Amino acid sequence: STSGQMDLFGGAVHTPSSSENHNLVHAEPLAGRNIQNTPHQYHLLNDLSAIQQLVETLLKVKEISFDTETTGLDVHSAELVGMSIAIKPSEGWYIPCPADRSKTLEILRILQPLWDANHITWLGQNLKYDLLMLKWYGFEIKGNTFDTMLAHYVIEPDGKHSMDMMSEQLLGYSPVSIESLIGKKGKGQGNMRD
């Protein structure tokens, strides 16, 4: 008797092991990388003209890595705190979003040509959340999307799919922990605006 996954016709299907999946996704990573020992260029864009210049640059690319920072996990009550954008390794832009909703809407309107660009594929972790956040502010991404969490689930359905874990496992990079930014879970934990 054959054990393991079977195809629709009862034949055995080779299911790649965790280590085979790892090799399919990325070449052997460098271990122990983090923000302290990895060269990077992160740009803070808190000026509307700088955001407009970024839009002009991004309209020329085909893929954008995108993430939102919010005040909470409930998309119905959370507010945008900021957005992170990257188009190549070790460089990225962070656009802070003020607590004043009208000022955040002004920023989102400047980004409208990106939201409308059909040629751009948006890459992100749990991208559905980011898309819902934009929707609550009245904006919709028209390009294609690629969700790393869903892709990892397809490759390794029984594994954990957190961004931190995948970064360490697949890229050999330990991200800055959320606890180091806003504190441990519980009553005293802040939010990303803090």
Protein backbone atom coordinates (compact mmCIF):
# COMPACT_ATOMS: atom_id res chain seq x y z
CA SER A 1 0.00 0.00 0.00
CA THR A 2 1.18 3.45 -0.87
CA SER A 3 1.21 6.10 1.80
CA GLY A 4 1.24 9.84 1.20
CA GLN A 5 -0.66 12.04 -1.19
CA MET A 6 -2.53 10.42 -4.09
CA ASP A 7 -3.59 11.97 -7.37
CA LEU A 8 -7.19 11.92 -8.62
CA PHE A 9 -6.64 8.47 -10.14
CA GLY A 10 -5.09 6.81 -7.08
CA GLY A 11 -1.46 7.14 -8.15
CA ALA A 12 1.20 8.25 -5.68
CA VAL A 13 2.22 11.88 -5.93
CA HIS A 14 5.69 13.01 -4.92
CA THR A 15 5.32 15.71 -2.29
CA PRO A 16 8.52 17.70 -1.91
CA SER A 17 10.03 17.66 1.55
CA SER A 18 10.45 20.86 3.50
CA SER A 19 14.11 21.07 2.44
CA GLU A 20 13.19 20.53 -1.23
CA ASN A 21 10.56 23.27 -0.96
CA HIS A 22 13.19 25.57 0.51
CA ASN A 23 15.48 24.98 -2.46
CA LEU A 24 12.63 25.62 -4.89
CA VAL A 25 11.88 28.97 -3.31
CA HIS A 26 15.36 30.39 -2.82
CA ALA A 27 18.98 29.40 -3.06
CA GLU A 28 20.78 28.62 0.17
CA PRO A 29 20.49 31.81 2.26
CA LEU A 30 23.14 33.60 4.22
CA ALA A 31 22.38 33.02 7.90
CA GLY A 32 22.26 35.53 10.70
CA ARG A 33 21.54 38.67 8.69
CA ASN A 34 19.64 41.54 10.36
CA ILE A 35 19.29 45.33 10.20
CA GLN A 36 22.55 45.86 12.11
CA ASN A 37 24.78 43.80 9.80
CA THR A 38 23.10 44.20 6.41
CA PRO A 39 23.70 47.33 4.33
CA HIS A 40 20.42 49.08 3.53
CA GLN A 41 18.95 52.37 2.37
CA TYR A 42 15.61 53.24 3.91
CA HIS A 43 14.04 56.56 2.97
CA LEU A 44 11.45 58.43 5.03
CA LEU A 45 9.08 60.39 2.78
CA ASN A 46 7.19 62.92 4.86
CA ASP A 47 7.01 65.59 2.17
CA LEU A 48 4.33 65.56 -0.54
CA SER A 49 6.75 66.52 -3.33
CA ALA A 50 9.06 63.61 -2.40
CA ILE A 51 6.06 61.26 -2.53
CA GLN A 52 5.19 62.62 -5.99
CA GLN A 53 8.76 61.99 -7.16
CA LEU A 54 8.54 58.42 -5.84
CA VAL A 55 5.29 57.90 -7.79
CA GLU A 56 7.07 58.95 -11.00
CA THR A 57 9.85 56.43 -10.29
CA LEU A 58 7.46 53.61 -9.38
CA LEU A 59 5.31 54.03 -12.48
CA LYS A 60 8.30 52.70 -14.46
CA VAL A 61 8.49 49.36 -12.61
CA LYS A 62 6.48 46.16 -12.94
CA GLU A 63 6.57 44.94 -9.32
CA ILE A 64 6.20 46.75 -6.00
CA SER A 65 6.54 45.18 -2.58
CA PHE A 66 3.94 46.86 -0.36
CA ASP A 67 2.90 46.85 3.27
CA THR A 68 0.72 49.01 5.46
CA GLU A 69 1.32 49.82 9.10
CA THR A 70 -1.86 50.36 11.07
CA THR A 71 -3.07 51.08 14.59
CA GLY A 72 -4.54 47.59 14.95
CA LEU A 73 -5.50 44.32 13.32
CA ASP A 74 -9.25 44.97 12.88
CA VAL A 75 -9.50 46.52 9.43
CA HIS A 76 -12.86 48.10 10.34
CA SER A 77 -11.45 50.17 13.20
CA ALA A 78 -7.74 50.47 12.38
CA GLU A 79 -6.18 53.60 10.92
CA LEU A 80 -3.30 53.81 8.49
CA VAL A 81 -0.07 54.79 10.20
CA GLY A 82 2.16 54.40 7.18
CA MET A 83 3.03 52.48 4.04
CA SER A 84 6.27 50.72 3.10
CA ILE A 85 7.33 50.27 -0.50
CA ALA A 86 10.30 48.47 -2.05
CA ILE A 87 11.34 47.56 -5.57
CA LYS A 88 14.74 46.00 -4.94
CA PRO A 89 16.59 44.31 -2.07
CA SER A 90 17.96 46.45 0.78
CA GLU A 91 16.21 49.66 -0.29
CA GLY A 92 12.79 50.92 0.61
CA TRP A 93 10.60 53.92 1.29
CA TYR A 94 8.32 54.58 4.24
CA ILE A 95 5.47 57.05 3.90
CA PRO A 96 3.98 58.03 7.28
CA CYS A 97 0.24 58.68 7.39
CA PRO A 98 -0.89 61.30 9.92
CA ALA A 99 -3.71 60.71 12.39
CA ASP A 100 -5.58 63.49 10.55
CA ARG A 101 -7.60 61.46 8.03
CA SER A 102 -7.82 64.33 5.52
CA LYS A 103 -4.01 64.55 5.35
CA THR A 104 -3.75 60.77 4.87
CA LEU A 105 -6.33 60.99 2.07
CA GLU A 106 -4.19 63.69 0.43
CA ILE A 107 -1.21 61.30 0.46
CA LEU A 108 -3.30 58.45 -0.93
CA ARG A 109 -4.56 60.70 -3.75
CA ILE A 110 -0.95 61.50 -4.74
CA LEU A 111 -0.40 57.73 -4.98
CA GLN A 112 -3.52 57.29 -7.18
CA PRO A 113 -1.57 56.77 -10.44
CA LEU A 114 0.07 53.75 -8.79
CA TRP A 115 -3.24 52.35 -7.55
CA ASP A 116 -4.60 52.70 -11.13
CA ALA A 117 -1.58 51.19 -12.94
CA ASN A 118 -2.60 47.86 -14.48
CA HIS A 119 1.00 46.96 -15.36
CA ILE A 120 2.14 46.83 -11.70
CA THR A 121 2.02 43.63 -9.65
CA TRP A 122 1.77 44.32 -5.92
CA LEU A 123 3.64 41.91 -3.66
CA GLY A 124 2.90 41.57 0.03
CA GLN A 125 2.39 39.39 3.08
CA ASN A 126 -1.31 38.90 3.89
CA LEU A 127 -2.01 41.42 1.15
CA LYS A 128 -5.76 41.09 1.61
CA TYR A 129 -5.46 43.12 4.81
CA ASP A 130 -3.54 45.92 3.05
CA LEU A 131 -6.06 45.98 0.20
CA LEU A 132 -8.94 46.20 2.70
CA MET A 133 -7.21 49.08 4.51
CA LEU A 134 -6.94 50.97 1.24
CA LYS A 135 -10.57 50.17 0.45
CA TRP A 136 -11.72 51.69 3.78
CA TYR A 137 -9.97 54.87 2.70
CA GLY A 138 -11.70 54.73 -0.71
CA PHE A 139 -8.83 53.40 -2.85
CA GLU A 140 -8.43 50.23 -4.86
CA ILE A 141 -5.39 48.66 -6.50
CA LYS A 142 -6.11 47.79 -10.14
CA GLY A 143 -2.93 45.81 -10.91
CA ASN A 144 -2.25 42.17 -10.15
CA THR A 145 -1.37 40.98 -6.66
CA PHE A 146 0.92 38.29 -5.25
CA ASP A 147 0.57 37.29 -1.60
CA THR A 148 3.68 35.69 -0.09
CA MET A 149 1.67 34.16 2.76
CA LEU A 150 -0.67 32.38 0.34
CA ALA A 151 2.22 31.28 -1.86
CA HIS A 152 4.03 29.84 1.16
CA TYR A 153 0.86 28.02 2.19
CA VAL A 154 0.72 26.36 -1.24
CA ILE A 155 4.39 25.32 -0.99
CA GLU A 156 4.27 24.24 2.66
CA PRO A 157 0.64 23.83 3.82
CA ASP A 158 1.56 22.41 7.23
CA GLY A 159 4.17 25.06 8.07
CA LYS A 160 3.92 28.41 9.79
CA HIS A 161 3.37 31.37 7.49
CA SER A 162 4.44 34.41 9.51
CA MET A 163 6.54 36.95 7.68
CA ASP A 164 9.27 36.85 10.36
CA MET A 165 9.53 33.06 10.17
CA MET A 166 9.57 33.03 6.37
CA SER A 167 12.20 35.77 6.28
CA GLU A 168 14.47 33.81 8.61
CA GLN A 169 13.84 30.46 6.92
CA LEU A 170 13.98 31.53 3.28
CA LEU A 171 16.19 34.62 3.30
CA GLY A 172 18.37 34.07 6.36
CA TYR A 173 17.29 37.52 7.59
CA SER A 174 15.85 38.29 11.06
CA PRO A 175 13.48 41.28 10.82
CA VAL A 176 13.18 43.91 13.55
CA SER A 177 10.74 42.40 16.04
CA ILE A 178 7.40 44.10 16.59
CA GLU A 179 7.93 43.80 20.37
CA SER A 180 11.10 45.89 20.15
CA LEU A 181 9.01 48.65 18.55
CA ILE A 182 5.74 48.67 20.53
CA GLY A 183 6.30 46.34 23.49
CA LYS A 184 5.08 42.91 24.45
CA LYS A 185 1.48 41.82 23.89
CA GLY A 186 -0.86 42.82 26.65
CA LYS A 187 -2.31 45.92 28.27
CA GLY A 188 0.88 47.96 28.02
CA GLN A 189 1.54 47.28 24.35
CA GLY A 190 1.45 50.37 22.16
CA ASN A 191 0.42 50.55 18.54
CA MET A 192 2.41 51.43 15.45
CA ARG A 193 1.45 55.11 15.64
CA ASP A 194 3.10 55.18 19.10
